[in-house]
PDB file of N, CA and C in Angstrom:
ATOM      1  N   MET A   1      10.596 -71.351  93.371  1.00  0.00           N
ATOM      2  CA  MET A   1      11.824 -72.097  93.245  1.00  0.00           C
ATOM      3  C   MET A   1      12.082 -72.452  91.781  1.00  0.00           C
ATOM      4  N   LYS A   2      11.032 -72.857  91.058  1.00  0.00           N
ATOM      5  CA  LYS A   2      11.172 -73.241  89.658  1.00  0.00           C
ATOM      6  C   LYS A   2      11.634 -72.048  88.813  1.00  0.00           C
ATOM      7  N   MET A   3      11.113 -70.878  89.105  1.00  0.00           N
ATOM      8  CA  MET A   3      11.481 -69.672  88.358  1.00  0.00           C
ATOM      9  C   MET A   3      12.947 -69.311  88.597  1.00  0.00           C
ATOM     10  N   ASN A   4      13.431 -69.474  89.826  1.00  0.00           N
ATOM     11  CA  ASN A   4      14.827 -69.176  90.119  1.00  0.00           C
ATOM     12  C   ASN A   4      15.762 -70.093  89.345  1.00  0.00           C
ATOM     13  N   THR A   5      15.403 -71.361  89.223  1.00  0.00           N
ATOM     14  CA  THR A   5      16.219 -72.318  88.482  1.00  0.00           C
ATOM     15  C   THR A   5      16.247 -71.948  87.007  1.00  0.00           C
ATOM     16  N   LEU A   6      15.091 -71.581  86.463  1.00  0.00           N
ATOM     17  CA  LEU A   6      14.997 -71.182  85.061  1.00  0.00           C
ATOM     18  C   LEU A   6      15.812 -69.914  84.808  1.00  0.00           C
ATOM     19  N   THR A   7      15.696 -68.944  85.690  1.00  0.00           N
ATOM     20  CA  THR A   7      16.443 -67.698  85.557  1.00  0.00           C
ATOM     21  C   THR A   7      17.944 -67.960  85.648  1.00  0.00           C
ATOM     22  N   ALA A   8      18.357 -68.775  86.594  1.00  0.00           N
ATOM     23  CA  ALA A   8      19.774 -69.098  86.753  1.00  0.00           C
ATOM     24  C   ALA A   8      20.313 -69.805  85.516  1.00  0.00           C
ATOM     25  N   SER A   9      19.522 -70.707  84.944  1.00  0.00           N
ATOM     26  CA  SER A   9      19.946 -71.420  83.737  1.00  0.00           C
ATOM     27  C   SER A   9      20.105 -70.456  82.566  1.00  0.00           C
ATOM     28  N   ALA A  10      19.171 -69.530  82.430  1.00  0.00           N
ATOM     29  CA  ALA A  10      19.233 -68.558  81.339  1.00  0.00           C
ATOM     30  C   ALA A  10      20.446 -67.653  81.477  1.00  0.00           C
ATOM     31  N   VAL A  11      20.702 -67.179  82.681  1.00  0.00           N
ATOM     32  CA  VAL A  11      21.857 -66.313  82.927  1.00  0.00           C
ATOM     33  C   VAL A  11      23.151 -67.078  82.666  1.00  0.00           C
ATOM     34  N   SER A  12      23.236 -68.313  83.118  1.00  0.00           N
ATOM     35  CA  SER A  12      24.424 -69.143  82.893  1.00  0.00           C
ATOM     36  C   SER A  12      24.680 -69.337  81.408  1.00  0.00           C
ATOM     37  N   ALA A  13      23.625 -69.590  80.646  1.00  0.00           N
ATOM     38  CA  ALA A  13      23.772 -69.779  79.208  1.00  0.00           C
ATOM     39  C   ALA A  13      24.277 -68.504  78.534  1.00  0.00           C
ATOM     40  N   LEU A  14      23.743 -67.363  78.924  1.00  0.00           N
ATOM     41  CA  LEU A  14      24.181 -66.094  78.340  1.00  0.00           C
ATOM     42  C   LEU A  14      25.636 -65.790  78.671  1.00  0.00           C
ATOM     43  N   VAL A  15      26.037 -66.039  79.895  1.00  0.00           N
ATOM     44  CA  VAL A  15      27.418 -65.807  80.302  1.00  0.00           C
ATOM     45  C   VAL A  15      28.340 -66.739  79.528  1.00  0.00           C
ATOM     46  N   ALA A  16      27.981 -68.004  79.428  1.00  0.00           N
ATOM     47  CA  ALA A  16      28.818 -68.970  78.705  1.00  0.00           C
ATOM     48  C   ALA A  16      28.937 -68.584  77.241  1.00  0.00           C
ATOM     49  N   PHE A  17      27.849 -68.162  76.630  1.00  0.00           N
ATOM     50  CA  PHE A  17      27.887 -67.737  75.233  1.00  0.00           C
ATOM     51  C   PHE A  17      28.778 -66.513  75.075  1.00  0.00           C
ATOM     52  N   GLY A  18      28.648 -65.568  75.966  1.00  0.00           N
ATOM     53  CA  GLY A  18      29.451 -64.346  75.898  1.00  0.00           C
ATOM     54  C   GLY A  18      30.931 -64.618  76.061  1.00  0.00           C
ATOM     55  N   LEU A  19      31.289 -65.504  76.966  1.00  0.00           N
ATOM     56  CA  LEU A  19      32.697 -65.833  77.165  1.00  0.00           C
ATOM     57  C   LEU A  19      33.252 -66.597  75.976  1.00  0.00           C
ATOM     58  N   GLY A  20      32.439 -67.406  75.361  1.00  0.00           N
ATOM     59  CA  GLY A  20      32.883 -68.142  74.178  1.00  0.00           C
ATOM     60  C   GLY A  20      33.087 -67.230  72.987  1.00  0.00           C
ATOM     61  N   ALA A  21      32.331 -66.156  72.898  1.00  0.00           N
ATOM     62  CA  ALA A  21      32.442 -65.244  71.765  1.00  0.00           C
ATOM     63  C   ALA A  21      33.576 -64.240  71.941  1.00  0.00           C
ATOM     64  N   ALA A  22      34.016 -64.010  73.163  1.00  0.00           N
ATOM     65  CA  ALA A  22      35.028 -62.985  73.412  1.00  0.00           C
ATOM     66  C   ALA A  22      36.327 -63.204  72.655  1.00  0.00           C
ATOM     67  N   PRO A  23      36.918 -64.403  72.628  1.00  0.00           N
ATOM     68  CA  PRO A  23      38.165 -64.570  71.888  1.00  0.00           C
ATOM     69  C   PRO A  23      38.012 -64.302  70.400  1.00  0.00           C
ATOM     70  N   ALA A  24      36.894 -64.692  69.815  1.00  0.00           N
ATOM     71  CA  ALA A  24      36.688 -64.442  68.389  1.00  0.00           C
ATOM     72  C   ALA A  24      36.607 -62.949  68.113  1.00  0.00           C
ATOM     73  N   MET A  25      35.956 -62.212  69.001  1.00  0.00           N
ATOM     74  CA  MET A  25      35.846 -60.774  68.792  1.00  0.00           C
ATOM     75  C   MET A  25      37.203 -60.102  68.929  1.00  0.00           C
ATOM     76  N   ALA A  26      38.039 -60.576  69.819  1.00  0.00           N
ATOM     77  CA  ALA A  26      39.355 -59.976  70.009  1.00  0.00           C
ATOM     78  C   ALA A  26      40.205 -60.140  68.755  1.00  0.00           C
ATOM     79  N   GLU A  27      40.066 -61.254  68.043  1.00  0.00           N
ATOM     80  CA  GLU A  27      40.826 -61.499  66.831  1.00  0.00           C
ATOM     81  C   GLU A  27      40.347 -60.634  65.672  1.00  0.00           C
ATOM     82  N   ASP A  28      39.107 -60.180  65.704  1.00  0.00           N
ATOM     83  CA  ASP A  28      38.523 -59.426  64.610  1.00  0.00           C
ATOM     84  C   ASP A  28      38.566 -57.925  64.834  1.00  0.00           C
ATOM     85  N   LYS A  29      39.539 -57.451  65.597  1.00  0.00           N
ATOM     86  CA  LYS A  29      39.636 -56.015  65.832  1.00  0.00           C
ATOM     87  C   LYS A  29      39.837 -55.293  64.516  1.00  0.00           C
ATOM     88  N   PRO A  30      39.213 -54.131  64.360  1.00  0.00           N
ATOM     89  CA  PRO A  30      39.417 -53.381  63.119  1.00  0.00           C
ATOM     90  C   PRO A  30      40.828 -52.811  63.056  1.00  0.00           C
ATOM     91  N   GLU A  31      41.274 -52.499  61.850  1.00  0.00           N
ATOM     92  CA  GLU A  31      42.576 -51.879  61.663  1.00  0.00           C
ATOM     93  C   GLU A  31      42.407 -50.602  60.843  1.00  0.00           C
ATOM     94  N   LYS A  32      43.345 -49.694  61.007  1.00  0.00           N
ATOM     95  CA  LYS A  32      43.318 -48.449  60.253  1.00  0.00           C
ATOM     96  C   LYS A  32      43.777 -48.721  58.822  1.00  0.00           C
ATOM     97  N   CYS A  33      43.013 -48.216  57.864  1.00  0.00           N
ATOM     98  CA  CYS A  33      43.371 -48.358  56.456  1.00  0.00           C
ATOM     99  C   CYS A  33      43.555 -46.962  55.866  1.00  0.00           C
ATOM    100  N   TYR A  34      44.754 -46.688  55.410  1.00  0.00           N
ATOM    101  CA  TYR A  34      45.120 -45.374  54.889  1.00  0.00           C
ATOM    102  C   TYR A  34      45.028 -45.329  53.365  1.00  0.00           C
ATOM    103  N   GLY A  35      44.745 -44.137  52.844  1.00  0.00           N
ATOM    104  CA  GLY A  35      44.850 -43.879  51.417  1.00  0.00           C
ATOM    105  C   GLY A  35      43.661 -44.247  50.560  1.00  0.00           C
ATOM    106  N   ILE A  36      42.553 -44.635  51.138  1.00  0.00           N
ATOM    107  CA  ILE A  36      41.385 -45.027  50.328  1.00  0.00           C
ATOM    108  C   ILE A  36      40.134 -44.218  50.649  1.00  0.00           C
ATOM    109  N   VAL A  37      40.264 -43.264  51.535  1.00  0.00           N
ATOM    110  CA  VAL A  37      39.101 -42.538  52.049  1.00  0.00           C
ATOM    111  C   VAL A  37      38.652 -41.437  51.085  1.00  0.00           C
ATOM    112  N   LYS A  38      37.345 -41.326  50.929  1.00  0.00           N
ATOM    113  CA  LYS A  38      36.772 -40.202  50.178  1.00  0.00           C
ATOM    114  C   LYS A  38      36.950 -38.933  51.002  1.00  0.00           C
ATOM    115  N   ALA A  39      37.008 -37.795  50.345  1.00  0.00           N
ATOM    116  CA  ALA A  39      37.143 -36.513  51.038  1.00  0.00           C
ATOM    117  C   ALA A  39      36.054 -36.372  52.092  1.00  0.00           C
ATOM    118  N   ALA A  40      36.445 -35.911  53.262  1.00  0.00           N
ATOM    119  CA  ALA A  40      35.554 -35.636  54.391  1.00  0.00           C
ATOM    120  C   ALA A  40      34.891 -36.891  54.969  1.00  0.00           C
ATOM    121  N   LYS A  41      35.446 -38.063  54.739  1.00  0.00           N
ATOM    122  CA  LYS A  41      34.875 -39.307  55.274  1.00  0.00           C
ATOM    123  C   LYS A  41      35.853 -40.056  56.174  1.00  0.00           C
ATOM    124  N   ASN A  42      36.978 -39.434  56.556  1.00  0.00           N
ATOM    125  CA  ASN A  42      37.959 -40.109  57.407  1.00  0.00           C
ATOM    126  C   ASN A  42      37.421 -40.296  58.816  1.00  0.00           C
ATOM    127  N   ASP A  43      37.972 -41.299  59.528  1.00  0.00           N
ATOM    128  CA  ASP A  43      37.487 -41.640  60.866  1.00  0.00           C
ATOM    129  C   ASP A  43      38.098 -40.788  61.974  1.00  0.00           C
ATOM    130  N   CYS A  44      39.287 -40.277  61.801  1.00  0.00           N
ATOM    131  CA  CYS A  44      39.899 -39.498  62.872  1.00  0.00           C
ATOM    132  C   CYS A  44      40.927 -38.535  62.309  1.00  0.00           C
ATOM    133  N   GLN A  45      41.631 -37.854  63.197  1.00  0.00           N
ATOM    134  CA  GLN A  45      42.554 -36.808  62.763  1.00  0.00           C
ATOM    135  C   GLN A  45      43.673 -37.351  61.890  1.00  0.00           C
ATOM    136  N   THR A  46      44.219 -36.482  61.074  1.00  0.00           N
ATOM    137  CA  THR A  46      45.361 -36.790  60.226  1.00  0.00           C
ATOM    138  C   THR A  46      46.456 -35.779  60.562  1.00  0.00           C
ATOM    139  N   THR A  47      47.561 -35.856  59.876  1.00  0.00           N
ATOM    140  CA  THR A  47      48.616 -34.866  60.110  1.00  0.00           C
ATOM    141  C   THR A  47      48.201 -33.498  59.582  1.00  0.00           C
ATOM    142  N   ASN A  48      47.219 -33.478  58.693  1.00  0.00           N
ATOM    143  CA  ASN A  48      46.750 -32.215  58.106  1.00  0.00           C
ATOM    144  C   ASN A  48      45.418 -31.724  58.662  1.00  0.00           C
ATOM    145  N   ASN A  49      44.706 -32.568  59.402  1.00  0.00           N
ATOM    146  CA  ASN A  49      43.381 -32.218  59.903  1.00  0.00           C
ATOM    147  C   ASN A  49      43.261 -32.578  61.374  1.00  0.00           C
ATOM    148  N   ALA A  50      42.504 -31.761  62.119  1.00  0.00           N
ATOM    149  CA  ALA A  50      42.393 -31.947  63.565  1.00  0.00           C
ATOM    150  C   ALA A  50      41.354 -32.983  63.989  1.00  0.00           C
ATOM    151  N   CYS A  51      40.405 -33.325  63.127  1.00  0.00           N
ATOM    152  CA  CYS A  51      39.382 -34.276  63.561  1.00  0.00           C
ATOM    153  C   CYS A  51      38.758 -35.027  62.390  1.00  0.00           C
ATOM    154  N   ALA A  52      37.866 -35.943  62.721  1.00  0.00           N
ATOM    155  CA  ALA A  52      37.209 -36.779  61.720  1.00  0.00           C
ATOM    156  C   ALA A  52      36.409 -35.951  60.730  1.00  0.00           C
ATOM    157  N   SER A  53      36.242 -36.509  59.548  1.00  0.00           N
ATOM    158  CA  SER A  53      35.427 -35.919  58.474  1.00  0.00           C
ATOM    159  C   SER A  53      35.979 -34.604  57.938  1.00  0.00           C
ATOM    160  N   HIS A  54      37.279 -34.397  58.046  1.00  0.00           N
ATOM    161  CA  HIS A  54      37.869 -33.155  57.542  1.00  0.00           C
ATOM    162  C   HIS A  54      38.963 -33.370  56.504  1.00  0.00           C
ATOM    163  N   SER A  55      39.148 -34.590  56.012  1.00  0.00           N
ATOM    164  CA  SER A  55      40.163 -34.784  54.982  1.00  0.00           C
ATOM    165  C   SER A  55      39.763 -33.972  53.753  1.00  0.00           C
ATOM    166  N   GLY A  56      40.754 -33.401  53.114  1.00  0.00           N
ATOM    167  CA  GLY A  56      40.464 -32.451  52.039  1.00  0.00           C
ATOM    168  C   GLY A  56      40.319 -33.042  50.657  1.00  0.00           C
ATOM    169  N   SER A  57      40.808 -34.254  50.433  1.00  0.00           N
ATOM    170  CA  SER A  57      40.742 -34.820  49.093  1.00  0.00           C
ATOM    171  C   SER A  57      40.553 -36.338  49.158  1.00  0.00           C
ATOM    172  N   ASP A  58      40.057 -36.884  48.071  1.00  0.00           N
ATOM    173  CA  ASP A  58      39.925 -38.339  47.986  1.00  0.00           C
ATOM    174  C   ASP A  58      41.305 -38.979  48.046  1.00  0.00           C
ATOM    175  N   ASN A  59      41.390 -40.124  48.688  1.00  0.00           N
ATOM    176  CA  ASN A  59      42.612 -40.922  48.759  1.00  0.00           C
ATOM    177  C   ASN A  59      43.791 -40.192  49.391  1.00  0.00           C
ATOM    178  N   GLN A  60      43.508 -39.268  50.284  1.00  0.00           N
ATOM    179  CA  GLN A  60      44.574 -38.545  50.996  1.00  0.00           C
ATOM    180  C   GLN A  60      45.425 -39.564  51.741  1.00  0.00           C
ATOM    181  N   GLY A  61      46.731 -39.505  51.588  1.00  0.00           N
ATOM    182  CA  GLY A  61      47.633 -40.520  52.100  1.00  0.00           C
ATOM    183  C   GLY A  61      47.652 -40.708  53.603  1.00  0.00           C
ATOM    184  N   ASP A  62      47.314 -39.664  54.362  1.00  0.00           N
ATOM    185  CA  ASP A  62      47.339 -39.796  55.817  1.00  0.00           C
ATOM    186  C   ASP A  62      45.950 -39.922  56.427  1.00  0.00           C
ATOM    187  N   ALA A  63      44.916 -39.925  55.603  1.00  0.00           N
ATOM    188  CA  ALA A  63      43.538 -40.085  56.090  1.00  0.00           C
ATOM    189  C   ALA A  63      43.216 -41.579  56.143  1.00  0.00           C
ATOM    190  N   TRP A  64      42.520 -41.995  57.209  1.00  0.00           N
ATOM    191  CA  TRP A  64      42.235 -43.416  57.378  1.00  0.00           C
ATOM    192  C   TRP A  64      40.816 -43.662  57.846  1.00  0.00           C
ATOM    193  N   ILE A  65      40.388 -44.914  57.663  1.00  0.00           N
ATOM    194  CA  ILE A  65      39.112 -45.411  58.184  1.00  0.00           C
ATOM    195  C   ILE A  65      39.382 -46.784  58.794  1.00  0.00           C
ATOM    196  N   TYR A  66      38.505 -47.192  59.711  1.00  0.00           N
ATOM    197  CA  TYR A  66      38.604 -48.529  60.279  1.00  0.00           C
ATOM    198  C   TYR A  66      37.952 -49.529  59.333  1.00  0.00           C
ATOM    199  N   LEU A  67      38.636 -50.643  59.120  1.00  0.00           N
ATOM    200  CA  LEU A  67      38.104 -51.755  58.339  1.00  0.00           C
ATOM    201  C   LEU A  67      38.375 -53.051  59.097  1.00  0.00           C
ATOM    202  N   PRO A  68      37.606 -54.098  58.818  1.00  0.00           N
ATOM    203  CA  PRO A  68      37.894 -55.382  59.457  1.00  0.00           C
ATOM    204  C   PRO A  68      39.318 -55.833  59.129  1.00  0.00           C
ATOM    205  N   LYS A  69      39.960 -56.457  60.096  1.00  0.00           N
ATOM    206  CA  LYS A  69      41.342 -56.894  59.938  1.00  0.00           C
ATOM    207  C   LYS A  69      41.497 -57.760  58.688  1.00  0.00           C
ATOM    208  N   GLY A  70      42.529 -57.471  57.910  1.00  0.00           N
ATOM    209  CA  GLY A  70      42.820 -58.225  56.700  1.00  0.00           C
ATOM    210  C   GLY A  70      42.166 -57.688  55.447  1.00  0.00           C
ATOM    211  N   THR A  71      41.305 -56.687  55.579  1.00  0.00           N
ATOM    212  CA  THR A  71      40.581 -56.156  54.428  1.00  0.00           C
ATOM    213  C   THR A  71      41.380 -55.084  53.692  1.00  0.00           C
ATOM    214  N   CYS A  72      42.066 -54.233  54.409  1.00  0.00           N
ATOM    215  CA  CYS A  72      42.717 -53.060  53.827  1.00  0.00           C
ATOM    216  C   CYS A  72      43.681 -53.409  52.695  1.00  0.00           C
ATOM    217  N   GLU A  73      44.539 -54.367  52.932  1.00  0.00           N
ATOM    218  CA  GLU A  73      45.558 -54.693  51.939  1.00  0.00           C
ATOM    219  C   GLU A  73      44.989 -55.364  50.693  1.00  0.00           C
ATOM    220  N   LYS A  74      43.701 -55.695  50.710  1.00  0.00           N
ATOM    221  CA  LYS A  74      43.040 -56.256  49.531  1.00  0.00           C
ATOM    222  C   LYS A  74      42.501 -55.148  48.629  1.00  0.00           C
ATOM    223  N   ILE A  75      42.507 -53.910  49.104  1.00  0.00           N
ATOM    224  CA  ILE A  75      41.945 -52.787  48.363  1.00  0.00           C
ATOM    225  C   ILE A  75      43.073 -52.024  47.665  1.00  0.00           C
ATOM    226  N   VAL A  76      42.907 -51.783  46.377  1.00  0.00           N
ATOM    227  CA  VAL A  76      43.928 -51.046  45.639  1.00  0.00           C
ATOM    228  C   VAL A  76      44.114 -49.673  46.246  1.00  0.00           C
ATOM    229  N   GLY A  77      45.353 -49.346  46.593  1.00  0.00           N
ATOM    230  CA  GLY A  77      45.665 -48.061  47.197  1.00  0.00           C
ATOM    231  C   GLY A  77      45.629 -48.078  48.706  1.00  0.00           C
ATOM    232  N   GLY A  78      45.087 -49.129  49.293  1.00  0.00           N
ATOM    233  CA  GLY A  78      45.002 -49.209  50.754  1.00  0.00           C
ATOM    234  C   GLY A  78      46.313 -49.659  51.370  1.00  0.00           C
ATOM    235  N   GLY A  79      46.597 -49.126  52.565  1.00  0.00           N
ATOM    236  CA  GLY A  79      47.796 -49.506  53.269  1.00  0.00           C
ATOM    237  C   GLY A  79      47.612 -49.354  54.773  1.00  0.00           C
ATOM    238  N   LEU A  80      48.437 -50.070  55.523  1.00  0.00           N
ATOM    239  CA  LEU A  80      48.326 -50.036  56.987  1.00  0.00           C
ATOM    240  C   LEU A  80      49.139 -48.918  57.605  1.00  0.00           C
ATOM    241  N   ALA A  81      49.822 -48.121  56.796  1.00  0.00           N
ATOM    242  CA  ALA A  81      50.606 -46.981  57.278  1.00  0.00           C
ATOM    243  C   ALA A  81      50.321 -45.769  56.408  1.00  0.00           C
ATOM    244  N   ALA A  82      50.453 -44.604  56.984  1.00  0.00           N
ATOM    245  CA  ALA A  82      50.243 -43.364  56.226  1.00  0.00           C
ATOM    246  C   ALA A  82      51.258 -43.272  55.096  1.00  0.00           C
ATOM    247  N   LYS A  83      50.849 -42.644  54.028  1.00  0.00           N
ATOM    248  CA  LYS A  83      51.715 -42.505  52.848  1.00  0.00           C
ATOM    249  C   LYS A  83      52.289 -41.114  52.768  1.00  0.00           C
TER     250      LYS A  83
END
């Protein structure tokens, strides 16, 4: 009986912690940052390339990477839309 109470308390604490962290994680979703990627380091397809890691040049205007929200516009050359 004592073990069941301890287990239930531990599970309850983990669930409560997880639910409390969920809203913060939702606010910190990454955003696409265009125009700052090194050649062949992009995260996904561009208008010129079919898949990740195929951008042909540094700072290609349509190549992007994920960055934490609010970071991209602090980087010189970075933008939230393709160039």
